[in-house]
PDB file of all heavy atoms in Angstrom:
ATOM      1  N   LYS A   1      23.167  -4.461  -0.431  1.00  0.00           N
ATOM      2  CA  LYS A   1      22.074  -3.911   0.360  1.00  0.00           C
ATOM      3  C   LYS A   1      20.845  -3.839  -0.539  1.00  0.00           C
ATOM      4  O   LYS A   1      20.952  -3.599  -1.738  1.00  0.00           O
ATOM      5  CB  LYS A   1      22.421  -2.501   0.889  1.00  0.00           C
ATOM      6  CG  LYS A   1      23.674  -2.455   1.753  1.00  0.00           C
ATOM      7  CD  LYS A   1      23.539  -3.298   3.003  1.00  0.00           C
ATOM      8  CE  LYS A   1      24.813  -3.230   3.830  1.00  0.00           C
ATOM      9  NZ  LYS A   1      24.870  -4.246   4.852  1.00  0.00           N
ATOM     10  N   TYR A   2      19.704  -4.057   0.068  1.00  0.00           N
ATOM     11  CA  TYR A   2      18.448  -4.083  -0.676  1.00  0.00           C
ATOM     12  C   TYR A   2      17.459  -3.101  -0.063  1.00  0.00           C
ATOM     13  O   TYR A   2      17.231  -3.121   1.146  1.00  0.00           O
ATOM     14  CB  TYR A   2      17.839  -5.491  -0.651  1.00  0.00           C
ATOM     15  CG  TYR A   2      18.752  -6.521  -1.265  1.00  0.00           C
ATOM     16  CD1 TYR A   2      19.729  -7.153  -0.510  1.00  0.00           C
ATOM     17  CD2 TYR A   2      18.626  -6.860  -2.610  1.00  0.00           C
ATOM     18  CE1 TYR A   2      20.582  -8.089  -1.069  1.00  0.00           C
ATOM     19  CE2 TYR A   2      19.474  -7.800  -3.179  1.00  0.00           C
ATOM     20  CZ  TYR A   2      20.446  -8.415  -2.406  1.00  0.00           C
ATOM     21  OH  TYR A   2      21.274  -9.340  -2.974  1.00  0.00           O
ATOM     22  N   ILE A   3      16.896  -2.262  -0.912  1.00  0.00           N
ATOM     23  CA  ILE A   3      15.873  -1.313  -0.486  1.00  0.00           C
ATOM     24  C   ILE A   3      14.562  -1.761  -1.131  1.00  0.00           C
ATOM     25  O   ILE A   3      14.447  -1.810  -2.353  1.00  0.00           O
ATOM     26  CB  ILE A   3      16.196   0.120  -0.933  1.00  0.00           C
ATOM     27  CG1 ILE A   3      17.569   0.550  -0.433  1.00  0.00           C
ATOM     28  CG2 ILE A   3      15.088   1.076  -0.483  1.00  0.00           C
ATOM     29  CD1 ILE A   3      18.066   1.850  -1.049  1.00  0.00           C
ATOM     30  N   PHE A   4      13.603  -2.085  -0.302  1.00  0.00           N
ATOM     31  CA  PHE A   4      12.310  -2.565  -0.794  1.00  0.00           C
ATOM     32  C   PHE A   4      11.229  -1.505  -0.587  1.00  0.00           C
ATOM     33  O   PHE A   4      11.196  -0.825   0.434  1.00  0.00           O
ATOM     34  CB  PHE A   4      11.883  -3.833  -0.042  1.00  0.00           C
ATOM     35  CG  PHE A   4      12.754  -5.009  -0.322  1.00  0.00           C
ATOM     36  CD1 PHE A   4      13.850  -5.279   0.487  1.00  0.00           C
ATOM     37  CD2 PHE A   4      12.500  -5.847  -1.398  1.00  0.00           C
ATOM     38  CE1 PHE A   4      14.671  -6.374   0.239  1.00  0.00           C
ATOM     39  CE2 PHE A   4      13.311  -6.941  -1.663  1.00  0.00           C
ATOM     40  CZ  PHE A   4      14.406  -7.191  -0.843  1.00  0.00           C
ATOM     41  N   ASP A   5      10.349  -1.405  -1.551  1.00  0.00           N
ATOM     42  CA  ASP A   5       9.116  -0.646  -1.404  1.00  0.00           C
ATOM     43  C   ASP A   5       8.136  -1.576  -0.699  1.00  0.00           C
ATOM     44  O   ASP A   5       8.292  -2.804  -0.732  1.00  0.00           O
ATOM     45  CB  ASP A   5       8.587  -0.249  -2.787  1.00  0.00           C
ATOM     46  CG  ASP A   5       7.225   0.419  -2.721  1.00  0.00           C
ATOM     47  OD1 ASP A   5       7.038   1.326  -1.893  1.00  0.00           O
ATOM     48  OD2 ASP A   5       6.337   0.021  -3.499  1.00  0.00           O
ATOM     49  N   PHE A   6       7.120  -1.016  -0.080  1.00  0.00           N
ATOM     50  CA  PHE A   6       6.132  -1.834   0.623  1.00  0.00           C
ATOM     51  C   PHE A   6       4.889  -2.110  -0.232  1.00  0.00           C
ATOM     52  O   PHE A   6       4.583  -3.248  -0.540  1.00  0.00           O
ATOM     53  CB  PHE A   6       5.731  -1.162   1.947  1.00  0.00           C
ATOM     54  CG  PHE A   6       4.748  -1.963   2.750  1.00  0.00           C
ATOM     55  CD1 PHE A   6       5.143  -3.128   3.389  1.00  0.00           C
ATOM     56  CD2 PHE A   6       3.423  -1.569   2.851  1.00  0.00           C
ATOM     57  CE1 PHE A   6       4.232  -3.894   4.118  1.00  0.00           C
ATOM     58  CE2 PHE A   6       2.509  -2.321   3.585  1.00  0.00           C
ATOM     59  CZ  PHE A   6       2.914  -3.479   4.217  1.00  0.00           C
ATOM     60  N   ASP A   7       4.178  -1.040  -0.598  1.00  0.00           N
ATOM     61  CA  ASP A   7       2.892  -1.200  -1.288  1.00  0.00           C
ATOM     62  C   ASP A   7       3.070  -1.768  -2.687  1.00  0.00           C
ATOM     63  O   ASP A   7       3.811  -1.230  -3.502  1.00  0.00           O
ATOM     64  CB  ASP A   7       2.155   0.140  -1.349  1.00  0.00           C
ATOM     65  CG  ASP A   7       1.699   0.591   0.038  1.00  0.00           C
ATOM     66  OD1 ASP A   7       1.031  -0.207   0.713  1.00  0.00           O
ATOM     67  OD2 ASP A   7       2.020   1.719   0.425  1.00  0.00           O
ATOM     68  N   ASP A   8       2.392  -2.864  -2.945  1.00  0.00           N
ATOM     69  CA  ASP A   8       2.393  -3.597  -4.208  1.00  0.00           C
ATOM     70  C   ASP A   8       3.747  -4.228  -4.543  1.00  0.00           C
ATOM     71  O   ASP A   8       4.001  -4.629  -5.670  1.00  0.00           O
ATOM     72  CB  ASP A   8       1.859  -2.748  -5.370  1.00  0.00           C
ATOM     73  CG  ASP A   8       0.348  -2.554  -5.251  1.00  0.00           C
ATOM     74  OD1 ASP A   8      -0.343  -3.511  -4.863  1.00  0.00           O
ATOM     75  OD2 ASP A   8      -0.142  -1.445  -5.518  1.00  0.00           O
ATOM     76  N   VAL A   9       4.605  -4.323  -3.540  1.00  0.00           N
ATOM     77  CA  VAL A   9       5.834  -5.102  -3.647  1.00  0.00           C
ATOM     78  C   VAL A   9       5.775  -6.160  -2.555  1.00  0.00           C
ATOM     79  O   VAL A   9       5.602  -7.347  -2.841  1.00  0.00           O
ATOM     80  CB  VAL A   9       7.108  -4.225  -3.541  1.00  0.00           C
ATOM     81  CG1 VAL A   9       8.366  -5.089  -3.505  1.00  0.00           C
ATOM     82  CG2 VAL A   9       7.179  -3.241  -4.708  1.00  0.00           C
ATOM     83  N   LEU A  10       5.882  -5.758  -1.319  1.00  0.00           N
ATOM     84  CA  LEU A  10       5.828  -6.681  -0.188  1.00  0.00           C
ATOM     85  C   LEU A  10       4.387  -6.977   0.245  1.00  0.00           C
ATOM     86  O   LEU A  10       4.082  -8.038   0.754  1.00  0.00           O
ATOM     87  CB  LEU A  10       6.627  -6.110   0.985  1.00  0.00           C
ATOM     88  CG  LEU A  10       6.875  -7.019   2.167  1.00  0.00           C
ATOM     89  CD1 LEU A  10       7.568  -8.309   1.752  1.00  0.00           C
ATOM     90  CD2 LEU A  10       7.700  -6.295   3.208  1.00  0.00           C
ATOM     91  N   PHE A  11       3.531  -6.007   0.030  1.00  0.00           N
ATOM     92  CA  PHE A  11       2.124  -6.122   0.427  1.00  0.00           C
ATOM     93  C   PHE A  11       1.263  -5.828  -0.799  1.00  0.00           C
ATOM     94  O   PHE A  11       1.486  -4.831  -1.498  1.00  0.00           O
ATOM     95  CB  PHE A  11       1.823  -5.111   1.545  1.00  0.00           C
ATOM     96  CG  PHE A  11       0.424  -5.175   2.091  1.00  0.00           C
ATOM     97  CD1 PHE A  11       0.022  -6.220   2.900  1.00  0.00           C
ATOM     98  CD2 PHE A  11      -0.482  -4.171   1.800  1.00  0.00           C
ATOM     99  CE1 PHE A  11      -1.274  -6.269   3.409  1.00  0.00           C
ATOM    100  CE2 PHE A  11      -1.778  -4.204   2.308  1.00  0.00           C
ATOM    101  CZ  PHE A  11      -2.170  -5.253   3.120  1.00  0.00           C
ATOM    102  N   GLN A  12       0.293  -6.687  -1.068  1.00  0.00           N
ATOM    103  CA  GLN A  12      -0.571  -6.540  -2.245  1.00  0.00           C
ATOM    104  C   GLN A  12      -1.646  -5.489  -1.970  1.00  0.00           C
ATOM    105  O   GLN A  12      -2.818  -5.786  -1.815  1.00  0.00           O
ATOM    106  CB  GLN A  12      -1.174  -7.891  -2.613  1.00  0.00           C
ATOM    107  CG  GLN A  12      -0.132  -8.918  -2.946  1.00  0.00           C
ATOM    108  CD  GLN A  12      -0.692 -10.330  -2.960  1.00  0.00           C
ATOM    109  OE1 GLN A  12      -1.778 -10.610  -2.486  1.00  0.00           O
ATOM    110  NE2 GLN A  12       0.084 -11.248  -3.523  1.00  0.00           N
ATOM    111  N   THR A  13      -1.203  -4.241  -1.945  1.00  0.00           N
ATOM    112  CA  THR A  13      -2.046  -3.119  -1.539  1.00  0.00           C
ATOM    113  C   THR A  13      -3.239  -2.921  -2.456  1.00  0.00           C
ATOM    114  O   THR A  13      -4.366  -2.724  -1.977  1.00  0.00           O
ATOM    115  CB  THR A  13      -1.193  -1.818  -1.500  1.00  0.00           C
ATOM    116  OG1 THR A  13      -0.057  -2.076  -0.684  1.00  0.00           O
ATOM    117  CG2 THR A  13      -1.982  -0.652  -0.959  1.00  0.00           C
ATOM    118  N   THR A  14      -3.032  -2.934  -3.755  1.00  0.00           N
ATOM    119  CA  THR A  14      -4.131  -2.699  -4.695  1.00  0.00           C
ATOM    120  C   THR A  14      -5.188  -3.788  -4.539  1.00  0.00           C
ATOM    121  O   THR A  14      -6.386  -3.494  -4.467  1.00  0.00           O
ATOM    122  CB  THR A  14      -3.601  -2.649  -6.139  1.00  0.00           C
ATOM    123  OG1 THR A  14      -2.642  -1.584  -6.232  1.00  0.00           O
ATOM    124  CG2 THR A  14      -4.737  -2.408  -7.129  1.00  0.00           C
ATOM    125  N   LYS A  15      -4.750  -5.028  -4.465  1.00  0.00           N
ATOM    126  CA  LYS A  15      -5.683  -6.142  -4.276  1.00  0.00           C
ATOM    127  C   LYS A  15      -6.429  -6.000  -2.937  1.00  0.00           C
ATOM    128  O   LYS A  15      -7.640  -6.175  -2.863  1.00  0.00           O
ATOM    129  CB  LYS A  15      -4.911  -7.461  -4.337  1.00  0.00           C
ATOM    130  CG  LYS A  15      -5.777  -8.686  -4.283  1.00  0.00           C
ATOM    131  CD  LYS A  15      -4.936  -9.940  -4.457  1.00  0.00           C
ATOM    132  CE  LYS A  15      -5.825 -11.154  -4.399  1.00  0.00           C
ATOM    133  NZ  LYS A  15      -5.089 -12.403  -4.569  1.00  0.00           N
ATOM    134  N   HIS A  16      -5.706  -5.671  -1.876  1.00  0.00           N
ATOM    135  CA  HIS A  16      -6.297  -5.481  -0.548  1.00  0.00           C
ATOM    136  C   HIS A  16      -7.346  -4.368  -0.593  1.00  0.00           C
ATOM    137  O   HIS A  16      -8.450  -4.517  -0.063  1.00  0.00           O
ATOM    138  CB  HIS A  16      -5.209  -5.140   0.467  1.00  0.00           C
ATOM    139  CG  HIS A  16      -5.704  -4.847   1.838  1.00  0.00           C
ATOM    140  ND1 HIS A  16      -5.928  -3.571   2.286  1.00  0.00           N
ATOM    141  CD2 HIS A  16      -6.040  -5.675   2.866  1.00  0.00           C
ATOM    142  CE1 HIS A  16      -6.383  -3.607   3.532  1.00  0.00           C
ATOM    143  NE2 HIS A  16      -6.444  -4.874   3.906  1.00  0.00           N
ATOM    144  N   ARG A  17      -6.992  -3.277  -1.229  1.00  0.00           N
ATOM    145  CA  ARG A  17      -7.897  -2.132  -1.302  1.00  0.00           C
ATOM    146  C   ARG A  17      -9.174  -2.479  -2.067  1.00  0.00           C
ATOM    147  O   ARG A  17     -10.269  -2.218  -1.604  1.00  0.00           O
ATOM    148  CB  ARG A  17      -7.180  -0.944  -1.956  1.00  0.00           C
ATOM    149  CG  ARG A  17      -8.024   0.314  -2.008  1.00  0.00           C
ATOM    150  CD  ARG A  17      -7.284   1.492  -2.619  1.00  0.00           C
ATOM    151  NE  ARG A  17      -7.049   1.316  -4.034  1.00  0.00           N
ATOM    152  CZ  ARG A  17      -5.861   1.162  -4.609  1.00  0.00           C
ATOM    153  NH1 ARG A  17      -4.765   1.167  -3.905  1.00  0.00           N
ATOM    154  NH2 ARG A  17      -5.753   1.022  -5.916  1.00  0.00           N
ATOM    155  N   LYS A  18      -9.019  -3.085  -3.230  1.00  0.00           N
ATOM    156  CA  LYS A  18     -10.177  -3.352  -4.094  1.00  0.00           C
ATOM    157  C   LYS A  18     -11.024  -4.534  -3.628  1.00  0.00           C
ATOM    158  O   LYS A  18     -12.242  -4.495  -3.704  1.00  0.00           O
ATOM    159  CB  LYS A  18      -9.714  -3.590  -5.538  1.00  0.00           C
ATOM    160  CG  LYS A  18      -9.190  -2.329  -6.190  1.00  0.00           C
ATOM    161  CD  LYS A  18      -8.738  -2.590  -7.602  1.00  0.00           C
ATOM    162  CE  LYS A  18      -8.262  -1.313  -8.258  1.00  0.00           C
ATOM    163  NZ  LYS A  18      -7.836  -1.528  -9.631  1.00  0.00           N
ATOM    164  N   GLU A  19     -10.367  -5.590  -3.141  1.00  0.00           N
ATOM    165  CA  GLU A  19     -11.096  -6.817  -2.793  1.00  0.00           C
ATOM    166  C   GLU A  19     -11.518  -6.881  -1.343  1.00  0.00           C
ATOM    167  O   GLU A  19     -12.337  -7.727  -0.978  1.00  0.00           O
ATOM    168  CB  GLU A  19     -10.231  -8.043  -3.125  1.00  0.00           C
ATOM    169  CG  GLU A  19      -9.973  -8.218  -4.591  1.00  0.00           C
ATOM    170  CD  GLU A  19      -9.091  -9.411  -4.888  1.00  0.00           C
ATOM    171  OE1 GLU A  19      -8.826 -10.235  -3.989  1.00  0.00           O
ATOM    172  OE2 GLU A  19      -8.656  -9.523  -6.061  1.00  0.00           O
ATOM    173  N   HIS A  20     -10.965  -6.031  -0.506  1.00  0.00           N
ATOM    174  CA  HIS A  20     -11.278  -6.129   0.919  1.00  0.00           C
ATOM    175  C   HIS A  20     -11.713  -4.775   1.517  1.00  0.00           C
ATOM    176  O   HIS A  20     -12.846  -4.631   1.956  1.00  0.00           O
ATOM    177  CB  HIS A  20     -10.083  -6.702   1.681  1.00  0.00           C
ATOM    178  CG  HIS A  20     -10.314  -6.862   3.145  1.00  0.00           C
ATOM    179  ND1 HIS A  20     -11.245  -7.724   3.662  1.00  0.00           N
ATOM    180  CD2 HIS A  20      -9.738  -6.241   4.201  1.00  0.00           C
ATOM    181  CE1 HIS A  20     -11.241  -7.641   4.975  1.00  0.00           C
ATOM    182  NE2 HIS A  20     -10.343  -6.749   5.333  1.00  0.00           N
ATOM    183  N   MET A  21     -10.792  -3.818   1.515  1.00  0.00           N
ATOM    184  CA  MET A  21     -11.059  -2.548   2.196  1.00  0.00           C
ATOM    185  C   MET A  21     -12.267  -1.824   1.592  1.00  0.00           C
ATOM    186  O   MET A  21     -13.194  -1.455   2.314  1.00  0.00           O
ATOM    187  CB  MET A  21      -9.824  -1.645   2.143  1.00  0.00           C
ATOM    188  CG  MET A  21      -9.977  -0.370   2.939  1.00  0.00           C
ATOM    189  SD  MET A  21      -8.397   0.517   3.136  1.00  0.00           S
ATOM    190  CE  MET A  21      -8.355   1.444   1.616  1.00  0.00           C
ATOM    191  N   PHE A  22     -12.272  -1.622   0.288  1.00  0.00           N
ATOM    192  CA  PHE A  22     -13.377  -0.889  -0.339  1.00  0.00           C
ATOM    193  C   PHE A  22     -14.695  -1.652  -0.207  1.00  0.00           C
ATOM    194  O   PHE A  22     -15.747  -1.054  -0.065  1.00  0.00           O
ATOM    195  CB  PHE A  22     -13.071  -0.595  -1.797  1.00  0.00           C
ATOM    196  CG  PHE A  22     -12.119   0.563  -2.025  1.00  0.00           C
ATOM    197  CD1 PHE A  22     -11.398   1.144  -0.983  1.00  0.00           C
ATOM    198  CD2 PHE A  22     -11.937   1.077  -3.289  1.00  0.00           C
ATOM    199  CE1 PHE A  22     -10.524   2.193  -1.199  1.00  0.00           C
ATOM    200  CE2 PHE A  22     -11.069   2.145  -3.524  1.00  0.00           C
ATOM    201  CZ  PHE A  22     -10.360   2.700  -2.481  1.00  0.00           C
ATOM    202  N   VAL A  23     -14.634  -2.968  -0.222  1.00  0.00           N
ATOM    203  CA  VAL A  23     -15.839  -3.793  -0.062  1.00  0.00           C
ATOM    204  C   VAL A  23     -16.434  -3.560   1.329  1.00  0.00           C
ATOM    205  O   VAL A  23     -17.657  -3.358   1.467  1.00  0.00           O
ATOM    206  CB  VAL A  23     -15.524  -5.282  -0.302  1.00  0.00           C
ATOM    207  CG1 VAL A  23     -16.702  -6.173   0.077  1.00  0.00           C
ATOM    208  CG2 VAL A  23     -15.130  -5.525  -1.755  1.00  0.00           C
ATOM    209  N   LEU A  24     -15.589  -3.569   2.354  1.00  0.00           N
ATOM    210  CA  LEU A  24     -16.088  -3.341   3.717  1.00  0.00           C
ATOM    211  C   LEU A  24     -16.620  -1.918   3.902  1.00  0.00           C
ATOM    212  O   LEU A  24     -17.613  -1.711   4.596  1.00  0.00           O
ATOM    213  CB  LEU A  24     -14.992  -3.638   4.737  1.00  0.00           C
ATOM    214  CG  LEU A  24     -14.612  -5.110   4.891  1.00  0.00           C
ATOM    215  CD1 LEU A  24     -13.459  -5.270   5.873  1.00  0.00           C
ATOM    216  CD2 LEU A  24     -15.791  -5.955   5.320  1.00  0.00           C
ATOM    217  N   LEU A  25     -15.973  -0.955   3.283  1.00  0.00           N
ATOM    218  CA  LEU A  25     -16.448   0.428   3.371  1.00  0.00           C
ATOM    219  C   LEU A  25     -17.821   0.572   2.701  1.00  0.00           C
ATOM    220  O   LEU A  25     -18.700   1.257   3.220  1.00  0.00           O
ATOM    221  CB  LEU A  25     -15.431   1.385   2.736  1.00  0.00           C
ATOM    222  CG  LEU A  25     -14.091   1.517   3.473  1.00  0.00           C
ATOM    223  CD1 LEU A  25     -13.090   2.305   2.639  1.00  0.00           C
ATOM    224  CD2 LEU A  25     -14.276   2.148   4.836  1.00  0.00           C
ATOM    225  N   GLN A  26     -17.985  -0.108   1.582  1.00  0.00           N
ATOM    226  CA  GLN A  26     -19.292  -0.083   0.909  1.00  0.00           C
ATOM    227  C   GLN A  26     -20.360  -0.745   1.770  1.00  0.00           C
ATOM    228  O   GLN A  26     -21.480  -0.244   1.869  1.00  0.00           O
ATOM    229  CB  GLN A  26     -19.204  -0.791  -0.448  1.00  0.00           C
ATOM    230  CG  GLN A  26     -18.512   0.031  -1.511  1.00  0.00           C
ATOM    231  CD  GLN A  26     -18.426  -0.737  -2.816  1.00  0.00           C
ATOM    232  OE1 GLN A  26     -17.547  -1.577  -2.976  1.00  0.00           O
ATOM    233  NE2 GLN A  26     -19.345  -0.459  -3.710  1.00  0.00           N
ATOM    234  N   LYS A  27     -20.017  -1.862   2.405  1.00  0.00           N
ATOM    235  CA  LYS A  27     -20.967  -2.540   3.294  1.00  0.00           C
ATOM    236  C   LYS A  27     -21.364  -1.644   4.468  1.00  0.00           C
ATOM    237  O   LYS A  27     -22.451  -1.785   5.017  1.00  0.00           O
ATOM    238  CB  LYS A  27     -20.385  -3.863   3.813  1.00  0.00           C
ATOM    239  CG  LYS A  27     -20.391  -4.964   2.789  1.00  0.00           C
ATOM    240  CD  LYS A  27     -19.825  -6.252   3.360  1.00  0.00           C
ATOM    241  CE  LYS A  27     -19.776  -7.338   2.312  1.00  0.00           C
ATOM    242  NZ  LYS A  27     -19.157  -8.561   2.818  1.00  0.00           N
ATOM    243  N   ALA A  28     -20.480  -0.717   4.823  1.00  0.00           N
ATOM    244  CA  ALA A  28     -20.779   0.235   5.908  1.00  0.00           C
ATOM    245  C   ALA A  28     -21.650   1.393   5.407  1.00  0.00           C
ATOM    246  O   ALA A  28     -21.963   2.300   6.170  1.00  0.00           O
ATOM    247  CB  ALA A  28     -19.484   0.759   6.507  1.00  0.00           C
ATOM    248  N   GLY A  29     -22.005   1.339   4.111  1.00  0.00           N
ATOM    249  CA  GLY A  29     -22.925   2.338   3.565  1.00  0.00           C
ATOM    250  C   GLY A  29     -22.273   3.494   2.834  1.00  0.00           C
ATOM    251  O   GLY A  29     -22.936   4.463   2.482  1.00  0.00           O
ATOM    252  N   ILE A  30     -20.989   3.396   2.570  1.00  0.00           N
ATOM    253  CA  ILE A  30     -20.285   4.475   1.870  1.00  0.00           C
ATOM    254  C   ILE A  30     -20.261   4.153   0.376  1.00  0.00           C
ATOM    255  O   ILE A  30     -19.780   3.086  -0.009  1.00  0.00           O
ATOM    256  CB  ILE A  30     -18.850   4.638   2.409  1.00  0.00           C
ATOM    257  CG1 ILE A  30     -18.862   4.802   3.939  1.00  0.00           C
ATOM    258  CG2 ILE A  30     -18.156   5.812   1.738  1.00  0.00           C
ATOM    259  CD1 ILE A  30     -17.508   4.594   4.594  1.00  0.00           C
ATOM    260  N   PRO A  31     -20.780   5.041  -0.474  1.00  0.00           N
ATOM    261  CA  PRO A  31     -20.792   4.792  -1.918  1.00  0.00           C
ATOM    262  C   PRO A  31     -19.362   4.686  -2.478  1.00  0.00           C
ATOM    263  O   PRO A  31     -18.471   5.447  -2.079  1.00  0.00           O
ATOM    264  CB  PRO A  31     -21.501   6.013  -2.499  1.00  0.00           C
ATOM    265  CG  PRO A  31     -22.200   6.663  -1.357  1.00  0.00           C
ATOM    266  CD  PRO A  31     -21.414   6.317  -0.128  1.00  0.00           C
ATOM    267  N   LEU A  32     -19.177   3.754  -3.403  1.00  0.00           N
ATOM    268  CA  LEU A  32     -17.859   3.503  -3.982  1.00  0.00           C
ATOM    269  C   LEU A  32     -17.261   4.764  -4.591  1.00  0.00           C
ATOM    270  O   LEU A  32     -16.073   5.041  -4.415  1.00  0.00           O
ATOM    271  CB  LEU A  32     -17.916   2.378  -5.023  1.00  0.00           C
ATOM    272  CG  LEU A  32     -16.587   2.006  -5.675  1.00  0.00           C
ATOM    273  CD1 LEU A  32     -15.569   1.549  -4.631  1.00  0.00           C
ATOM    274  CD2 LEU A  32     -16.793   0.911  -6.725  1.00  0.00           C
ATOM    275  N   PHE A  33     -18.041   5.555  -5.304  1.00  0.00           N
ATOM    276  CA  PHE A  33     -17.483   6.754  -5.940  1.00  0.00           C
ATOM    277  C   PHE A  33     -16.954   7.733  -4.893  1.00  0.00           C
ATOM    278  O   PHE A  33     -15.953   8.417  -5.128  1.00  0.00           O
ATOM    279  CB  PHE A  33     -18.482   7.418  -6.887  1.00  0.00           C
ATOM    280  CG  PHE A  33     -19.582   8.199  -6.211  1.00  0.00           C
ATOM    281  CD1 PHE A  33     -19.451   9.559  -5.964  1.00  0.00           C
ATOM    282  CD2 PHE A  33     -20.756   7.568  -5.818  1.00  0.00           C
ATOM    283  CE1 PHE A  33     -20.460  10.264  -5.345  1.00  0.00           C
ATOM    284  CE2 PHE A  33     -21.769   8.278  -5.183  1.00  0.00           C
ATOM    285  CZ  PHE A  33     -21.616   9.636  -4.944  1.00  0.00           C
TER     286      PHE A  33
END
């Protein structure tokens, strides 16, 4: 039997957050900090 984690195992969460999600939030006018 195999137990998998999702974030940063099956889904590249850190990359998604830094390269996509945070970029779109910044474009919406929200400061990165």
